[in-house]
Amino acid sequence: SSGRLLDLANSTLSFMETMGFVYQMTQDKKYGERTVRELEAIASFTDWAPQISFLETATFSSAFAIGFDWAYDCMDTDTAKKLAERAQALGLQNAELAYTASASFNDFWWNTETNWGIICNGGISNLAMATAEYNTDQCMTILRDALRSIEFTWYRFAPDGAWHEGPGYWSYMLTHLSRFESSYLTAM
């Protein structure tokens, strides 16, 4: 193994979207409870690999945010708090290190013009919004910093919405951008 967890992070994100959607549409608790078990599994990781590639951290953050939000009513108060705080430690605390220039890992993504800017800042933003009630000040500071960081990427859509890294990265980035914008619209 190369040590990269991106395939697992992407499959977890896909699973959370699917399972969360099925739960929201059916209200069958078995789907919500299965989502909670997945949240517990990814929250038990030692880390979400920021030292390898922050794409993993951001993708796990987005996956966690979606599962946490859509299955929230399947958790008791203590479980929700425990999971939110653990996800914040795995995702948000590492993002904060990047935003404050304190990271010991490669933090170029916070001010890049590449798809990483949208994917990383968007995933971190999703997690901050989904778990904000458990550490509001930190979450809102991180959301502020992520929104400012995303601005580095915006002008690359000009003049016609094409993407300078090509159609594959354009599609990948827009999928993550859509998740972020949808989350922002509904949460804020």
N, C-alpha and C. Protein backbone atom coordinates (compact mmCIF):
# COMPACT_ATOMS: atom_id res chain seq x y z
N SER A 1 0.84 -1.19 0.00
CA SER A 1 0.00 0.00 0.00
C SER A 1 0.88 1.25 0.00
N SER A 2 0.44 2.26 -0.70
CA SER A 2 1.18 3.52 -0.75
C SER A 2 0.96 4.34 0.51
N GLY A 3 0.03 3.92 1.33
CA GLY A 3 -0.28 4.68 2.53
C GLY A 3 -1.39 5.69 2.32
N ARG A 4 -1.78 5.90 1.08
CA ARG A 4 -2.85 6.86 0.81
C ARG A 4 -4.20 6.23 1.09
N LEU A 5 -5.06 6.99 1.74
CA LEU A 5 -6.39 6.52 2.09
C LEU A 5 -7.48 7.14 1.23
N LEU A 6 -7.08 7.77 0.13
CA LEU A 6 -8.06 8.51 -0.66
C LEU A 6 -9.17 7.60 -1.21
N ASP A 7 -8.83 6.40 -1.66
CA ASP A 7 -9.87 5.49 -2.15
C ASP A 7 -10.87 5.17 -1.05
N LEU A 8 -10.37 4.90 0.15
CA LEU A 8 -11.26 4.62 1.28
C LEU A 8 -12.09 5.85 1.64
N ALA A 9 -11.46 7.01 1.63
CA ALA A 9 -12.19 8.25 1.94
C ALA A 9 -13.30 8.49 0.92
N ASN A 10 -13.00 8.30 -0.36
CA ASN A 10 -14.01 8.50 -1.40
C ASN A 10 -15.14 7.48 -1.30
N SER A 11 -14.82 6.22 -1.01
CA SER A 11 -15.87 5.22 -0.87
C SER A 11 -16.71 5.47 0.38
N THR A 12 -16.08 5.99 1.43
CA THR A 12 -16.81 6.34 2.64
C THR A 12 -17.76 7.50 2.36
N LEU A 13 -17.30 8.47 1.61
CA LEU A 13 -18.15 9.60 1.23
C LEU A 13 -19.35 9.12 0.41
N SER A 14 -19.11 8.26 -0.55
CA SER A 14 -20.19 7.71 -1.36
C SER A 14 -21.18 6.93 -0.49
N PHE A 15 -20.63 6.13 0.42
CA PHE A 15 -21.49 5.35 1.32
C PHE A 15 -22.37 6.26 2.17
N MET A 16 -21.77 7.31 2.75
CA MET A 16 -22.52 8.22 3.62
C MET A 16 -23.63 8.93 2.85
N GLU A 17 -23.34 9.33 1.62
CA GLU A 17 -24.37 9.98 0.82
C GLU A 17 -25.51 9.02 0.51
N THR A 18 -25.16 7.80 0.14
CA THR A 18 -26.19 6.82 -0.20
C THR A 18 -27.00 6.40 1.02
N MET A 19 -26.31 6.01 2.08
CA MET A 19 -27.01 5.54 3.27
C MET A 19 -27.82 6.67 3.90
N GLY A 20 -27.24 7.87 3.95
CA GLY A 20 -27.97 9.01 4.50
C GLY A 20 -29.21 9.34 3.69
N PHE A 21 -29.08 9.27 2.38
CA PHE A 21 -30.23 9.54 1.51
C PHE A 21 -31.33 8.50 1.74
N VAL A 22 -30.94 7.23 1.77
CA VAL A 22 -31.93 6.17 1.98
C VAL A 22 -32.62 6.35 3.33
N TYR A 23 -31.83 6.69 4.35
CA TYR A 23 -32.45 6.91 5.66
C TYR A 23 -33.41 8.10 5.62
N GLN A 24 -33.00 9.19 5.02
CA GLN A 24 -33.87 10.37 4.97
C GLN A 24 -35.16 10.09 4.18
N MET A 25 -35.05 9.27 3.15
CA MET A 25 -36.24 8.99 2.33
C MET A 25 -37.17 7.97 2.98
N THR A 26 -36.62 6.98 3.67
CA THR A 26 -37.45 5.91 4.24
C THR A 26 -37.76 6.10 5.72
N GLN A 27 -36.90 6.84 6.42
CA GLN A 27 -36.98 6.99 7.88
C GLN A 27 -36.89 5.65 8.60
N ASP A 28 -36.34 4.65 7.92
CA ASP A 28 -36.11 3.33 8.53
C ASP A 28 -34.82 3.43 9.35
N LYS A 29 -34.94 3.29 10.66
CA LYS A 29 -33.82 3.50 11.58
C LYS A 29 -32.63 2.59 11.28
N LYS A 30 -32.86 1.45 10.64
CA LYS A 30 -31.72 0.56 10.37
C LYS A 30 -30.67 1.25 9.48
N TYR A 31 -31.11 2.14 8.60
CA TYR A 31 -30.16 2.85 7.74
C TYR A 31 -29.44 3.95 8.51
N GLY A 32 -30.16 4.64 9.36
CA GLY A 32 -29.52 5.65 10.20
C GLY A 32 -28.54 5.02 11.18
N GLU A 33 -28.92 3.91 11.77
CA GLU A 33 -28.04 3.22 12.72
C GLU A 33 -26.80 2.69 12.02
N ARG A 34 -26.94 2.23 10.80
CA ARG A 34 -25.77 1.77 10.03
C ARG A 34 -24.84 2.93 9.73
N THR A 35 -25.41 4.08 9.45
CA THR A 35 -24.60 5.28 9.21
C THR A 35 -23.83 5.65 10.47
N VAL A 36 -24.47 5.56 11.62
CA VAL A 36 -23.80 5.87 12.88
C VAL A 36 -22.63 4.91 13.12
N ARG A 37 -22.82 3.65 12.82
CA ARG A 37 -21.72 2.68 12.97
C ARG A 37 -20.53 3.05 12.08
N GLU A 38 -20.82 3.53 10.89
CA GLU A 38 -19.74 3.97 9.99
C GLU A 38 -19.05 5.21 10.54
N LEU A 39 -19.83 6.13 11.10
CA LEU A 39 -19.24 7.31 11.74
C LEU A 39 -18.31 6.89 12.87
N GLU A 40 -18.75 5.94 13.67
CA GLU A 40 -17.91 5.44 14.77
C GLU A 40 -16.63 4.81 14.24
N ALA A 41 -16.74 4.13 13.12
CA ALA A 41 -15.55 3.48 12.55
C ALA A 41 -14.53 4.51 12.08
N ILE A 42 -14.96 5.51 11.33
CA ILE A 42 -13.97 6.49 10.84
C ILE A 42 -13.48 7.42 11.96
N ALA A 43 -14.30 7.60 12.98
CA ALA A 43 -13.86 8.40 14.13
C ALA A 43 -12.83 7.65 14.97
N SER A 44 -12.75 6.34 14.81
CA SER A 44 -11.79 5.55 15.59
C SER A 44 -10.40 5.52 14.93
N PHE A 45 -10.28 6.06 13.72
CA PHE A 45 -8.98 6.10 13.07
C PHE A 45 -7.99 6.91 13.91
N THR A 46 -6.74 6.56 13.83
CA THR A 46 -5.69 7.32 14.52
C THR A 46 -5.63 8.74 13.98
N ASP A 47 -5.72 8.86 12.66
CA ASP A 47 -5.77 10.17 12.01
C ASP A 47 -6.40 10.00 10.64
N TRP A 48 -6.67 11.11 9.99
CA TRP A 48 -7.23 11.10 8.65
C TRP A 48 -6.17 11.51 7.63
N ALA A 49 -4.93 11.19 7.94
CA ALA A 49 -3.77 11.26 7.05
C ALA A 49 -3.41 12.65 6.52
N PRO A 50 -3.44 13.70 7.34
CA PRO A 50 -3.04 15.01 6.80
C PRO A 50 -1.58 15.04 6.38
N GLN A 51 -0.75 14.24 7.02
CA GLN A 51 0.68 14.22 6.71
C GLN A 51 0.95 13.52 5.37
N ILE A 52 0.01 12.75 4.89
CA ILE A 52 0.17 12.07 3.60
C ILE A 52 -0.42 12.93 2.49
N SER A 53 -1.66 13.33 2.67
CA SER A 53 -2.36 14.15 1.68
C SER A 53 -3.61 14.70 2.33
N PHE A 54 -3.76 16.01 2.34
CA PHE A 54 -4.92 16.59 3.00
C PHE A 54 -6.22 16.29 2.26
N LEU A 55 -6.14 15.78 1.03
CA LEU A 55 -7.36 15.35 0.35
C LEU A 55 -8.08 14.28 1.15
N GLU A 56 -7.33 13.37 1.77
CA GLU A 56 -7.94 12.34 2.60
C GLU A 56 -8.66 12.96 3.78
N THR A 57 -7.99 13.87 4.47
CA THR A 57 -8.57 14.53 5.64
C THR A 57 -9.86 15.26 5.24
N ALA A 58 -9.81 15.99 4.16
CA ALA A 58 -10.97 16.76 3.72
C ALA A 58 -12.11 15.86 3.26
N THR A 59 -11.79 14.77 2.58
CA THR A 59 -12.83 13.87 2.09
C THR A 59 -13.47 13.13 3.24
N PHE A 60 -12.68 12.66 4.20
CA PHE A 60 -13.26 12.06 5.40
C PHE A 60 -14.09 13.08 6.17
N SER A 61 -13.64 14.33 6.21
CA SER A 61 -14.39 15.39 6.89
C SER A 61 -15.76 15.58 6.26
N SER A 62 -15.79 15.62 4.94
CA SER A 62 -17.05 15.78 4.23
C SER A 62 -17.95 14.55 4.44
N ALA A 63 -17.37 13.38 4.36
CA ALA A 63 -18.14 12.14 4.59
C ALA A 63 -18.74 12.14 5.99
N PHE A 64 -17.92 12.48 6.96
CA PHE A 64 -18.40 12.52 8.34
C PHE A 64 -19.53 13.53 8.48
N ALA A 65 -19.36 14.70 7.91
CA ALA A 65 -20.37 15.76 8.02
C ALA A 65 -21.71 15.31 7.47
N ILE A 66 -21.69 14.67 6.32
CA ILE A 66 -22.94 14.23 5.69
C ILE A 66 -23.60 13.15 6.54
N GLY A 67 -22.83 12.14 6.94
CA GLY A 67 -23.39 11.08 7.78
C GLY A 67 -23.90 11.60 9.11
N PHE A 68 -23.13 12.47 9.72
CA PHE A 68 -23.50 13.03 11.03
C PHE A 68 -24.79 13.84 10.92
N ASP A 69 -24.89 14.66 9.91
CA ASP A 69 -26.08 15.49 9.73
C ASP A 69 -27.31 14.65 9.42
N TRP A 70 -27.19 13.72 8.50
CA TRP A 70 -28.35 12.99 8.05
C TRP A 70 -28.80 11.90 9.02
N ALA A 71 -27.92 11.43 9.89
CA ALA A 71 -28.30 10.40 10.86
C ALA A 71 -28.29 10.94 12.29
N TYR A 72 -28.30 12.23 12.43
CA TYR A 72 -28.19 12.86 13.75
C TYR A 72 -29.24 12.34 14.73
N ASP A 73 -30.46 12.18 14.27
CA ASP A 73 -31.53 11.74 15.18
C ASP A 73 -31.43 10.27 15.56
N CYS A 74 -30.45 9.56 15.04
CA CYS A 74 -30.22 8.16 15.43
C CYS A 74 -29.15 8.03 16.51
N MET A 75 -28.67 9.15 17.00
CA MET A 75 -27.63 9.15 18.04
C MET A 75 -28.19 9.74 19.32
N ASP A 76 -27.76 9.19 20.45
CA ASP A 76 -28.09 9.86 21.70
C ASP A 76 -27.14 11.04 21.87
N THR A 77 -27.43 11.89 22.83
CA THR A 77 -26.67 13.12 23.03
C THR A 77 -25.19 12.86 23.27
N ASP A 78 -24.87 11.88 24.09
CA ASP A 78 -23.47 11.59 24.39
C ASP A 78 -22.71 11.07 23.17
N THR A 79 -23.35 10.21 22.40
CA THR A 79 -22.71 9.67 21.19
C THR A 79 -22.45 10.79 20.19
N ALA A 80 -23.44 11.63 19.96
CA ALA A 80 -23.27 12.74 19.00
C ALA A 80 -22.13 13.65 19.43
N LYS A 81 -22.09 13.99 20.70
CA LYS A 81 -21.03 14.88 21.21
C LYS A 81 -19.66 14.23 21.07
N LYS A 82 -19.56 12.97 21.46
CA LYS A 82 -18.29 12.24 21.37
C LYS A 82 -17.80 12.16 19.92
N LEU A 83 -18.69 11.81 19.01
CA LEU A 83 -18.31 11.69 17.60
C LEU A 83 -17.94 13.05 17.01
N ALA A 84 -18.72 14.08 17.31
CA ALA A 84 -18.42 15.41 16.78
C ALA A 84 -17.06 15.89 17.26
N GLU A 85 -16.78 15.73 18.53
CA GLU A 85 -15.49 16.19 19.06
C GLU A 85 -14.33 15.40 18.48
N ARG A 86 -14.52 14.12 18.24
CA ARG A 86 -13.45 13.32 17.65
C ARG A 86 -13.21 13.74 16.19
N ALA A 87 -14.27 13.96 15.44
CA ALA A 87 -14.12 14.41 14.05
C ALA A 87 -13.47 15.78 14.00
N GLN A 88 -13.82 16.65 14.92
CA GLN A 88 -13.17 17.96 14.97
C GLN A 88 -11.68 17.81 15.22
N ALA A 89 -11.31 16.89 16.09
CA ALA A 89 -9.88 16.66 16.36
C ALA A 89 -9.17 16.12 15.12
N LEU A 90 -9.82 15.24 14.39
CA LEU A 90 -9.20 14.63 13.20
C LEU A 90 -9.16 15.57 12.00
N GLY A 91 -10.19 16.39 11.85
CA GLY A 91 -10.28 17.24 10.67
C GLY A 91 -10.01 18.70 10.95
N LEU A 92 -10.80 19.30 11.81
CA LEU A 92 -10.73 20.75 12.01
C LEU A 92 -9.44 21.21 12.66
N GLN A 93 -8.95 20.48 13.62
CA GLN A 93 -7.71 20.90 14.28
C GLN A 93 -6.54 20.90 13.30
N ASN A 94 -6.53 19.95 12.38
CA ASN A 94 -5.47 19.93 11.36
C ASN A 94 -5.63 21.08 10.37
N ALA A 95 -6.87 21.41 10.01
CA ALA A 95 -7.09 22.55 9.13
C ALA A 95 -6.66 23.83 9.82
N GLU A 96 -6.96 23.95 11.09
CA GLU A 96 -6.56 25.14 11.84
C GLU A 96 -5.04 25.32 11.83
N LEU A 97 -4.31 24.22 11.92
CA LEU A 97 -2.85 24.30 11.82
C LEU A 97 -2.42 24.89 10.48
N ALA A 98 -3.09 24.48 9.43
CA ALA A 98 -2.75 25.02 8.10
C ALA A 98 -3.10 26.50 8.01
N TYR A 99 -4.28 26.87 8.46
CA TYR A 99 -4.73 28.26 8.36
C TYR A 99 -3.87 29.20 9.20
N THR A 100 -3.24 28.69 10.25
CA THR A 100 -2.41 29.53 11.11
C THR A 100 -0.92 29.34 10.84
N ALA A 101 -0.57 28.68 9.75
CA ALA A 101 0.82 28.44 9.35
C ALA A 101 1.60 27.68 10.42
N SER A 102 0.93 26.75 11.09
CA SER A 102 1.56 25.96 12.15
C SER A 102 1.67 24.48 11.79
N ALA A 103 1.29 24.12 10.58
CA ALA A 103 1.24 22.71 10.19
C ALA A 103 2.63 22.14 9.95
N SER A 104 2.79 20.90 10.36
CA SER A 104 4.04 20.18 10.07
C SER A 104 3.88 19.33 8.81
N PHE A 105 2.71 19.38 8.19
CA PHE A 105 2.44 18.66 6.95
C PHE A 105 2.31 19.67 5.81
N ASN A 106 2.24 19.17 4.59
CA ASN A 106 2.13 20.04 3.42
C ASN A 106 0.76 20.73 3.42
N ASP A 107 0.75 22.03 3.60
CA ASP A 107 -0.50 22.77 3.72
C ASP A 107 -0.75 23.73 2.55
N PHE A 108 -0.17 23.41 1.39
CA PHE A 108 -0.30 24.29 0.23
C PHE A 108 -1.76 24.49 -0.18
N TRP A 109 -2.63 23.58 0.17
CA TRP A 109 -4.01 23.58 -0.29
C TRP A 109 -4.83 24.78 0.20
N TRP A 110 -4.40 25.42 1.26
CA TRP A 110 -5.23 26.51 1.80
C TRP A 110 -5.18 27.75 0.92
N ASN A 111 -4.15 27.90 0.08
CA ASN A 111 -4.10 29.08 -0.80
C ASN A 111 -3.72 28.71 -2.23
N THR A 112 -4.19 27.58 -2.68
CA THR A 112 -3.86 27.14 -4.04
C THR A 112 -4.95 27.53 -5.03
N GLU A 113 -4.58 27.55 -6.29
CA GLU A 113 -5.54 27.79 -7.37
C GLU A 113 -6.02 26.47 -7.97
N THR A 114 -5.60 25.35 -7.43
CA THR A 114 -5.95 24.05 -7.99
C THR A 114 -7.23 23.51 -7.35
N ASN A 115 -7.65 22.36 -7.84
CA ASN A 115 -8.86 21.72 -7.31
C ASN A 115 -8.73 21.41 -5.81
N TRP A 116 -7.51 21.27 -5.32
CA TRP A 116 -7.30 21.00 -3.89
C TRP A 116 -7.92 22.09 -3.03
N GLY A 117 -7.89 23.33 -3.47
CA GLY A 117 -8.45 24.43 -2.70
C GLY A 117 -9.93 24.25 -2.43
N ILE A 118 -10.66 23.87 -3.46
CA ILE A 118 -12.10 23.65 -3.31
C ILE A 118 -12.36 22.38 -2.49
N ILE A 119 -11.68 21.30 -2.82
CA ILE A 119 -11.93 20.02 -2.15
C ILE A 119 -11.59 20.10 -0.67
N CYS A 120 -10.42 20.60 -0.36
CA CYS A 120 -9.98 20.64 1.05
C CYS A 120 -10.77 21.65 1.86
N ASN A 121 -10.87 22.88 1.38
CA ASN A 121 -11.62 23.88 2.13
C ASN A 121 -13.11 23.55 2.20
N GLY A 122 -13.64 22.97 1.13
CA GLY A 122 -15.05 22.58 1.14
C GLY A 122 -15.35 21.47 2.13
N GLY A 123 -14.49 20.45 2.16
CA GLY A 123 -14.70 19.34 3.10
C GLY A 123 -14.59 19.79 4.54
N ILE A 124 -13.60 20.63 4.82
CA ILE A 124 -13.42 21.17 6.17
C ILE A 124 -14.62 22.03 6.55
N SER A 125 -15.10 22.83 5.61
CA SER A 125 -16.28 23.67 5.87
C SER A 125 -17.50 22.82 6.20
N ASN A 126 -17.69 21.75 5.45
CA ASN A 126 -18.83 20.86 5.73
C ASN A 126 -18.78 20.33 7.15
N LEU A 127 -17.59 19.90 7.58
CA LEU A 127 -17.44 19.38 8.93
C LEU A 127 -17.68 20.47 9.97
N ALA A 128 -17.17 21.66 9.73
CA ALA A 128 -17.37 22.77 10.67
C ALA A 128 -18.85 23.09 10.82
N MET A 129 -19.58 23.11 9.72
CA MET A 129 -21.01 23.42 9.79
C MET A 129 -21.80 22.31 10.47
N ALA A 130 -21.45 21.06 10.18
CA ALA A 130 -22.21 19.93 10.74
C ALA A 130 -22.00 19.77 12.24
N THR A 131 -20.85 20.18 12.74
CA THR A 131 -20.53 19.95 14.15
C THR A 131 -20.41 21.24 14.96
N ALA A 132 -20.85 22.35 14.41
CA ALA A 132 -20.63 23.66 15.03
C ALA A 132 -21.21 23.80 16.42
N GLU A 133 -22.27 23.10 16.72
CA GLU A 133 -22.87 23.27 18.05
C GLU A 133 -21.97 22.72 19.17
N TYR A 134 -20.95 21.95 18.82
CA TYR A 134 -20.08 21.34 19.83
C TYR A 134 -18.82 22.15 20.09
N ASN A 135 -18.52 23.10 19.25
CA ASN A 135 -17.37 23.98 19.46
C ASN A 135 -17.54 25.16 18.51
N THR A 136 -18.53 25.97 18.79
CA THR A 136 -18.97 26.99 17.85
C THR A 136 -17.89 27.97 17.45
N ASP A 137 -17.15 28.49 18.40
CA ASP A 137 -16.13 29.50 18.07
C ASP A 137 -15.08 28.95 17.12
N GLN A 138 -14.54 27.77 17.42
CA GLN A 138 -13.53 27.19 16.54
C GLN A 138 -14.13 26.89 15.16
N CYS A 139 -15.33 26.34 15.13
CA CYS A 139 -15.94 25.98 13.86
C CYS A 139 -16.19 27.21 12.99
N MET A 140 -16.65 28.30 13.58
CA MET A 140 -16.92 29.50 12.80
C MET A 140 -15.62 30.18 12.35
N THR A 141 -14.58 30.10 13.16
CA THR A 141 -13.28 30.63 12.73
C THR A 141 -12.74 29.83 11.55
N ILE A 142 -12.86 28.51 11.63
CA ILE A 142 -12.40 27.65 10.54
C ILE A 142 -13.24 27.88 9.30
N LEU A 143 -14.54 28.02 9.45
CA LEU A 143 -15.40 28.29 8.30
C LEU A 143 -15.02 29.62 7.65
N ARG A 144 -14.75 30.63 8.44
CA ARG A 144 -14.30 31.93 7.91
C ARG A 144 -13.02 31.76 7.10
N ASP A 145 -12.05 31.05 7.68
CA ASP A 145 -10.77 30.86 7.00
C ASP A 145 -10.92 30.04 5.72
N ALA A 146 -11.78 29.03 5.76
CA ALA A 146 -12.01 28.20 4.57
C ALA A 146 -12.66 29.02 3.46
N LEU A 147 -13.63 29.83 3.81
CA LEU A 147 -14.29 30.65 2.80
C LEU A 147 -13.30 31.62 2.16
N ARG A 148 -12.43 32.20 2.96
CA ARG A 148 -11.40 33.08 2.40
C ARG A 148 -10.44 32.31 1.51
N SER A 149 -10.11 31.12 1.91
CA SER A 149 -9.17 30.30 1.13
C SER A 149 -9.76 29.87 -0.20
N ILE A 150 -11.04 29.60 -0.23
CA ILE A 150 -11.69 29.19 -1.48
C ILE A 150 -11.60 30.30 -2.52
N GLU A 151 -11.51 31.54 -2.08
CA GLU A 151 -11.43 32.67 -3.01
C GLU A 151 -10.22 32.58 -3.93
N PHE A 152 -9.15 31.93 -3.49
CA PHE A 152 -7.96 31.80 -4.34
C PHE A 152 -8.28 31.05 -5.64
N THR A 153 -9.30 30.22 -5.58
CA THR A 153 -9.64 29.36 -6.72
C THR A 153 -10.65 29.98 -7.66
N TRP A 154 -11.51 30.88 -7.18
CA TRP A 154 -12.65 31.37 -7.97
C TRP A 154 -12.28 31.91 -9.34
N TYR A 155 -11.26 32.74 -9.41
CA TYR A 155 -10.98 33.39 -10.70
C TYR A 155 -10.62 32.39 -11.79
N ARG A 156 -10.23 31.17 -11.42
CA ARG A 156 -9.88 30.16 -12.41
C ARG A 156 -11.07 29.68 -13.23
N PHE A 157 -12.28 30.03 -12.80
CA PHE A 157 -13.47 29.69 -13.58
C PHE A 157 -13.70 30.68 -14.72
N ALA A 158 -13.06 31.82 -14.68
CA ALA A 158 -13.25 32.85 -15.70
C ALA A 158 -12.51 32.47 -16.97
N PRO A 159 -12.96 32.86 -18.12
CA PRO A 159 -14.13 33.68 -18.36
C PRO A 159 -15.41 32.87 -18.62
N ASP A 160 -15.29 31.55 -18.77
CA ASP A 160 -16.46 30.80 -19.24
C ASP A 160 -16.80 29.57 -18.42
N GLY A 161 -16.20 29.41 -17.26
CA GLY A 161 -16.51 28.26 -16.40
C GLY A 161 -15.65 27.04 -16.66
N ALA A 162 -14.75 27.13 -17.64
CA ALA A 162 -13.84 26.00 -17.90
C ALA A 162 -12.83 25.92 -16.75
N TRP A 163 -12.13 24.81 -16.68
CA TRP A 163 -11.20 24.60 -15.58
C TRP A 163 -9.80 24.37 -16.14
N HIS A 164 -8.82 25.07 -15.61
CA HIS A 164 -7.47 25.06 -16.15
C HIS A 164 -6.76 23.71 -15.99
N GLU A 165 -7.24 22.85 -15.12
CA GLU A 165 -6.60 21.54 -14.93
C GLU A 165 -7.22 20.45 -15.82
N GLY A 166 -8.20 20.80 -16.62
CA GLY A 166 -8.81 19.86 -17.54
C GLY A 166 -10.14 19.34 -17.04
N PRO A 167 -10.87 18.61 -17.91
CA PRO A 167 -12.24 18.20 -17.58
C PRO A 167 -12.34 17.17 -16.45
N GLY A 168 -11.34 16.30 -16.30
CA GLY A 168 -11.40 15.31 -15.22
C GLY A 168 -11.35 15.98 -13.86
N TYR A 169 -10.38 16.87 -13.67
CA TYR A 169 -10.30 17.60 -12.40
C TYR A 169 -11.47 18.57 -12.24
N TRP A 170 -11.95 19.13 -13.34
CA TRP A 170 -13.10 20.02 -13.31
C TRP A 170 -14.31 19.28 -12.73
N SER A 171 -14.56 18.07 -13.21
CA SER A 171 -15.69 17.28 -12.73
C SER A 171 -15.51 16.89 -11.25
N TYR A 172 -14.32 16.43 -10.91
CA TYR A 172 -14.02 16.03 -9.53
C TYR A 172 -14.20 17.21 -8.58
N MET A 173 -13.65 18.35 -8.96
CA MET A 173 -13.72 19.54 -8.12
C MET A 173 -15.15 20.04 -8.01
N LEU A 174 -15.90 20.06 -9.12
CA LEU A 174 -17.28 20.57 -9.07
C LEU A 174 -18.19 19.70 -8.22
N THR A 175 -17.92 18.40 -8.17
CA THR A 175 -18.71 17.52 -7.30
C THR A 175 -18.52 17.95 -5.84
N HIS A 176 -17.28 18.19 -5.46
CA HIS A 176 -17.00 18.64 -4.09
C HIS A 176 -17.52 20.05 -3.86
N LEU A 177 -17.40 20.92 -4.85
CA LEU A 177 -17.92 22.28 -4.72
C LEU A 177 -19.43 22.26 -4.53
N SER A 178 -20.12 21.40 -5.24
CA SER A 178 -21.58 21.30 -5.10
C SER A 178 -21.97 20.84 -3.70
N ARG A 179 -21.22 19.88 -3.15
CA ARG A 179 -21.49 19.44 -1.77
C ARG A 179 -21.33 20.61 -0.79
N PHE A 180 -20.22 21.33 -0.95
CA PHE A 180 -19.97 22.45 -0.07
C PHE A 180 -21.06 23.51 -0.20
N GLU A 181 -21.37 23.93 -1.43
CA GLU A 181 -22.36 24.99 -1.63
C GLU A 181 -23.74 24.58 -1.11
N SER A 182 -24.10 23.33 -1.33
CA SER A 182 -25.38 22.84 -0.82
C SER A 182 -25.42 22.85 0.71
N SER A 183 -24.33 22.40 1.30
CA SER A 183 -24.25 22.42 2.77
C SER A 183 -24.31 23.84 3.30
N TYR A 184 -23.58 24.73 2.68
CA TYR A 184 -23.55 26.13 3.12
C TYR A 184 -24.93 26.76 2.99
N LEU A 185 -25.60 26.48 1.88
CA LEU A 185 -26.92 27.04 1.66
C LEU A 185 -27.91 26.57 2.72
N THR A 186 -27.90 25.30 3.05
CA THR A 186 -28.87 24.78 4.02
C THR A 186 -28.48 25.09 5.47
N ALA A 187 -27.20 25.15 5.76
CA ALA A 187 -26.76 25.38 7.15
C ALA A 187 -26.77 26.85 7.53
N MET A 188 -26.46 27.70 6.58
CA MET A 188 -26.29 29.10 6.92
C MET A 188 -27.47 29.94 6.46
